[in-house]
Amino acid sequence: MGYVNDPRKNIHKIYTKEMIINPYAFGKSTPAILNDGNTVAWWDFTDLSKIELYASGNDIKTVNPVIAGQVPLAGDAGVTPTWSINGALFDGGAASLRNSQELLVSPPFIIYYVMRQISIIPNRYNMLLSGSNAFQNGQEPNTNRMYMYDGSNVIYDGYMPLNTFSIIKLACYSGGDSFASINENKTLGSVVGGITDITVGKHVSNQYASNIEVKEMIIRRVIETSQNESDIYAYLKTKYRL
């Protein structure tokens, strides 16, 4: 057991052997493919150096991208998720994060993110992620069945176990080659919508909020090869010990 310094608050946190045996915990290089120029957005909600907090409380002001120069995510005072070393915790109400400048992503693109659903909010859609042009990923009312939707087409990507971190992949390609997946379970479909903004934790129009905790999100504008998809999946699975 030892200590690691938190540079934002000048405090020390205990780290354990479990952290040491995680090969990504202390700087192991990430897959080279994430730096191939096709990664258009990448946020790590567990990286102390990327999180800026409001002066009062523990609300996130900004999540800076992993790759310099990319779009940061921003929150408004009083309605942002709560930050911890485990990620960004959304309360199922007003809390959300959004891109702070235009993020234009047209097909083909694929989104990877690591999250857990803490509770299901009764009698309404539980929105995990949404963007413009009706693009959204969420759960149906009163169930943990997830879906991806582009305004006219929908893919149901299975059921997510509550309070269990999972890796979500959302691919908007062409024809019937799009897919949504929870961990290894992949469902093909025809969702093809583009996005110009991302809102995490609720719908872009300030409805359908969700009670979730998010660790990391990666957006790539490319038709991913099966090998690259596997490498990125393995990176997230190993990093978060899933």
Protein backbone atom coordinates (compact mmCIF):
# COMPACT_ATOMS: atom_id res chain seq x y z
CA MET A 1 0.00 0.00 0.00
CA GLY A 2 1.21 3.53 -0.74
CA TYR A 3 0.14 7.06 -1.57
CA VAL A 4 -0.48 9.10 -4.71
CA ASN A 5 -0.73 12.89 -4.78
CA ASP A 6 -3.86 14.69 -6.02
CA PRO A 7 -2.38 17.88 -7.60
CA ARG A 8 -5.67 19.80 -7.57
CA LYS A 9 -6.20 19.73 -3.83
CA ASN A 10 -2.72 18.96 -2.52
CA ILE A 11 -3.94 15.88 -0.70
CA HIS A 12 -2.80 12.30 -0.79
CA LYS A 13 -4.83 9.22 -1.66
CA ILE A 14 -4.04 5.65 -0.70
CA TYR A 15 -3.42 3.22 -3.54
CA THR A 16 -3.48 -0.56 -3.16
CA LYS A 17 -1.93 -3.61 -4.78
CA GLU A 18 -5.05 -3.91 -6.96
CA MET A 19 -4.18 -0.55 -8.52
CA ILE A 20 -0.59 -1.64 -9.08
CA ILE A 21 -1.51 -4.81 -10.96
CA ASN A 22 -3.78 -2.84 -13.29
CA PRO A 23 -1.31 -2.27 -16.16
CA TYR A 24 -2.97 1.03 -17.16
CA ALA A 25 -3.14 2.54 -13.66
CA PHE A 26 0.30 4.13 -13.75
CA GLY A 27 1.03 5.05 -17.32
CA LYS A 28 1.05 1.91 -19.46
CA SER A 29 0.69 3.05 -23.06
CA THR A 30 -2.80 2.90 -24.57
CA PRO A 31 -3.44 1.22 -27.95
CA ALA A 32 -1.60 3.07 -30.71
CA ILE A 33 -4.77 3.03 -32.82
CA LEU A 34 -6.35 5.66 -30.55
CA ASN A 35 -3.77 8.13 -31.85
CA ASP A 36 -4.26 7.37 -35.56
CA GLY A 37 -6.13 10.63 -36.26
CA ASN A 38 -9.60 9.05 -36.27
CA THR A 39 -10.24 9.59 -32.55
CA VAL A 40 -12.25 12.84 -32.56
CA ALA A 41 -13.16 12.93 -28.86
CA TRP A 42 -11.81 11.15 -25.77
CA TRP A 43 -12.65 11.90 -22.14
CA ASP A 44 -11.37 10.06 -19.06
CA PHE A 45 -13.57 10.91 -16.07
CA THR A 46 -11.22 9.12 -13.67
CA ASP A 47 -8.07 11.10 -14.58
CA LEU A 48 -7.41 13.65 -11.82
CA SER A 49 -5.39 15.85 -14.14
CA LYS A 50 -8.28 16.27 -16.62
CA ILE A 51 -11.02 17.31 -14.17
CA GLU A 52 -11.60 20.94 -13.21
CA LEU A 53 -14.03 21.53 -10.34
CA TYR A 54 -16.04 24.55 -9.26
CA ALA A 55 -14.50 26.35 -6.28
CA SER A 56 -17.35 25.32 -4.00
CA GLY A 57 -18.33 21.68 -3.70
CA ASN A 58 -17.37 18.73 -5.86
CA ASP A 59 -19.24 19.58 -9.09
CA ILE A 60 -17.40 19.20 -12.38
CA LYS A 61 -16.76 22.42 -14.29
CA THR A 62 -14.80 20.92 -17.18
CA VAL A 63 -13.55 17.53 -18.32
CA ASN A 64 -10.58 18.16 -20.59
CA PRO A 65 -9.89 15.69 -23.42
CA VAL A 66 -7.14 13.10 -23.33
CA ILE A 67 -5.81 14.31 -26.70
CA ALA A 68 -4.85 17.99 -26.57
CA GLY A 69 -6.92 20.32 -28.75
CA GLN A 70 -10.05 18.21 -28.79
CA VAL A 71 -13.43 19.32 -27.46
CA PRO A 72 -13.81 19.51 -23.66
CA LEU A 73 -17.01 18.66 -21.81
CA ALA A 74 -18.51 21.40 -19.67
CA GLY A 75 -21.06 21.62 -16.89
CA ASP A 76 -23.09 24.46 -15.43
CA ALA A 77 -22.71 25.31 -11.74
CA GLY A 78 -25.23 23.46 -9.60
CA VAL A 79 -26.34 21.01 -12.28
CA THR A 80 -23.20 19.00 -12.91
CA PRO A 81 -22.40 15.44 -11.89
CA THR A 82 -20.46 14.67 -8.73
CA TRP A 83 -16.84 13.74 -9.35
CA SER A 84 -14.91 10.96 -7.63
CA ILE A 85 -11.95 8.75 -8.47
CA ASN A 86 -14.53 6.28 -9.85
CA GLY A 87 -15.83 8.71 -12.49
CA ALA A 88 -18.69 11.16 -13.00
CA LEU A 89 -21.85 10.36 -11.03
CA PHE A 90 -25.14 11.67 -12.49
CA ASP A 91 -28.05 12.03 -10.08
CA GLY A 92 -31.02 11.19 -12.32
CA GLY A 93 -32.15 14.82 -12.33
CA ALA A 94 -30.57 18.02 -13.60
CA ALA A 95 -26.97 16.81 -13.71
CA SER A 96 -25.36 16.57 -17.15
CA LEU A 97 -22.21 17.36 -19.13
CA ARG A 98 -22.11 18.62 -22.71
CA ASN A 99 -19.48 19.50 -25.28
CA SER A 100 -18.45 23.11 -24.83
CA GLN A 101 -17.85 23.76 -28.53
CA GLU A 102 -19.21 22.20 -31.71
CA LEU A 103 -18.43 18.54 -32.16
CA LEU A 104 -19.44 17.55 -35.69
CA VAL A 105 -19.54 13.79 -36.11
CA SER A 106 -21.15 12.29 -39.20
CA PRO A 107 -21.28 8.59 -40.11
CA PRO A 108 -19.31 6.45 -40.02
CA PHE A 109 -18.51 6.74 -36.32
CA ILE A 110 -18.27 4.54 -33.26
CA ILE A 111 -18.64 5.50 -29.59
CA TYR A 112 -17.11 3.49 -26.75
CA TYR A 113 -17.92 4.22 -23.13
CA VAL A 114 -17.63 2.59 -19.71
CA MET A 115 -20.54 3.14 -17.32
CA ARG A 116 -22.96 1.60 -14.87
CA GLN A 117 -26.68 2.21 -14.36
CA ILE A 118 -27.28 2.78 -10.65
CA SER A 119 -31.08 2.91 -10.65
CA ILE A 120 -33.96 3.06 -13.12
CA ILE A 121 -36.12 6.17 -12.88
CA PRO A 122 -39.76 5.01 -13.01
CA ASN A 123 -42.11 5.80 -15.90
CA ARG A 124 -39.69 7.60 -18.20
CA TYR A 125 -36.79 6.96 -20.54
CA ASN A 126 -33.42 6.81 -18.80
CA MET A 127 -31.08 8.71 -21.11
CA LEU A 128 -27.41 7.79 -20.95
CA LEU A 129 -26.12 9.72 -23.95
CA SER A 130 -27.72 11.94 -26.59
CA GLY A 131 -26.83 14.27 -29.42
CA SER A 132 -28.45 16.38 -32.10
CA ASN A 133 -30.50 14.90 -34.97
CA ALA A 134 -32.35 12.70 -32.44
CA PHE A 135 -29.33 10.46 -31.85
CA GLN A 136 -29.60 8.86 -28.43
CA ASN A 137 -28.71 5.86 -26.31
CA GLY A 138 -30.84 5.05 -23.30
CA GLN A 139 -33.16 2.62 -21.59
CA GLU A 140 -36.88 2.06 -22.01
CA PRO A 141 -39.22 3.14 -19.18
CA ASN A 142 -39.28 0.76 -16.21
CA THR A 143 -36.76 -1.63 -17.72
CA ASN A 144 -33.01 -1.93 -18.18
CA ARG A 145 -33.31 -2.80 -21.90
CA MET A 146 -31.04 -0.43 -23.81
CA TYR A 147 -31.52 1.08 -27.26
CA MET A 148 -29.80 3.32 -29.83
CA TYR A 149 -32.01 5.61 -31.92
CA ASP A 150 -31.47 8.07 -34.78
CA GLY A 151 -34.95 9.56 -35.09
CA SER A 152 -36.38 6.86 -37.32
CA ASN A 153 -34.40 3.65 -36.76
CA VAL A 154 -33.73 1.84 -33.49
CA ILE A 155 -31.41 -0.93 -32.32
CA TYR A 156 -32.17 -2.71 -29.06
CA ASP A 157 -28.85 -3.79 -27.61
CA GLY A 158 -29.93 -5.99 -24.73
CA TYR A 159 -30.30 -5.60 -20.98
CA MET A 160 -27.73 -3.97 -18.73
CA PRO A 161 -27.31 -5.34 -15.20
CA LEU A 162 -27.79 -2.64 -12.57
CA ASN A 163 -24.78 -1.43 -10.59
CA THR A 164 -22.33 -3.28 -12.81
CA PHE A 165 -19.81 -1.40 -14.94
CA SER A 166 -20.09 -2.36 -18.61
CA ILE A 167 -18.49 -1.39 -21.90
CA ILE A 168 -20.97 0.11 -24.38
CA LYS A 169 -20.22 0.35 -28.11
CA LEU A 170 -22.45 2.33 -30.51
CA ALA A 171 -21.54 2.16 -34.21
CA CYS A 172 -23.30 4.27 -36.84
CA TYR A 173 -22.07 2.94 -40.18
CA SER A 174 -24.27 2.30 -43.21
CA GLY A 175 -27.10 -0.01 -44.22
CA GLY A 176 -27.49 -2.80 -41.73
CA ASP A 177 -23.90 -2.66 -40.52
CA SER A 178 -24.55 -0.35 -37.56
CA PHE A 179 -24.58 -2.00 -34.17
CA ALA A 180 -24.99 -1.46 -30.45
CA SER A 181 -23.46 -3.69 -27.82
CA ILE A 182 -23.20 -4.24 -24.09
CA ASN A 183 -19.88 -5.91 -23.39
CA GLU A 184 -19.64 -8.85 -25.81
CA ASN A 185 -23.32 -8.85 -26.83
CA LYS A 186 -23.70 -7.11 -30.21
CA THR A 187 -26.94 -6.33 -32.08
CA LEU A 188 -26.87 -5.23 -35.74
CA GLY A 189 -29.23 -2.63 -37.21
CA SER A 190 -29.62 0.45 -39.41
CA VAL A 191 -29.07 3.47 -37.14
CA VAL A 192 -27.14 6.03 -39.21
CA GLY A 193 -27.73 9.50 -37.66
CA GLY A 194 -24.97 12.09 -37.27
CA ILE A 195 -24.39 14.38 -34.29
CA THR A 196 -23.14 17.92 -33.71
CA ASP A 197 -23.23 17.79 -29.93
CA ILE A 198 -23.01 15.28 -27.10
CA THR A 199 -24.86 15.42 -23.79
CA VAL A 200 -24.01 12.84 -21.13
CA GLY A 201 -26.42 11.97 -18.32
CA LYS A 202 -29.65 13.19 -19.88
CA HIS A 203 -31.31 14.13 -23.17
CA VAL A 204 -29.92 17.08 -25.10
CA SER A 205 -33.30 18.85 -24.64
CA ASN A 206 -33.02 18.61 -20.83
CA GLN A 207 -35.34 15.67 -20.30
CA TYR A 208 -34.98 11.93 -19.73
CA ALA A 209 -32.19 12.14 -17.15
CA SER A 210 -30.40 9.06 -15.83
CA ASN A 211 -28.78 7.88 -12.60
CA ILE A 212 -25.43 6.62 -13.94
CA GLU A 213 -21.70 6.71 -13.29
CA VAL A 214 -19.38 7.11 -16.30
CA LYS A 215 -15.65 6.36 -16.36
CA GLU A 216 -14.48 6.98 -19.92
CA MET A 217 -15.80 7.85 -23.39
CA ILE A 218 -14.12 7.60 -26.80
CA ILE A 219 -15.59 8.73 -30.15
CA ARG A 220 -13.92 7.63 -33.39
CA ARG A 221 -14.95 8.68 -36.90
CA VAL A 222 -14.07 5.54 -38.81
CA ILE A 223 -15.41 2.11 -39.69
CA GLU A 224 -13.43 0.20 -37.10
CA THR A 225 -11.64 -2.96 -38.10
CA SER A 226 -12.44 -5.96 -35.94
CA GLN A 227 -8.86 -6.00 -34.64
CA ASN A 228 -8.88 -2.31 -33.66
CA GLU A 229 -12.29 -2.70 -32.05
CA SER A 230 -10.98 -5.66 -30.06
CA ASP A 231 -7.85 -3.75 -29.01
CA ILE A 232 -9.82 -0.75 -27.73
CA TYR A 233 -12.30 -3.02 -25.97
CA ALA A 234 -9.42 -4.91 -24.32
CA TYR A 235 -7.81 -1.62 -23.24
CA LEU A 236 -11.02 -0.50 -21.46
CA LYS A 237 -11.69 -3.93 -20.00
CA THR A 238 -8.16 -4.20 -18.60
CA LYS A 239 -7.92 -0.63 -17.38
CA TYR A 240 -11.12 -0.89 -15.33
CA ARG A 241 -10.72 -4.56 -14.39
CA LEU A 242 -14.05 -5.58 -15.92
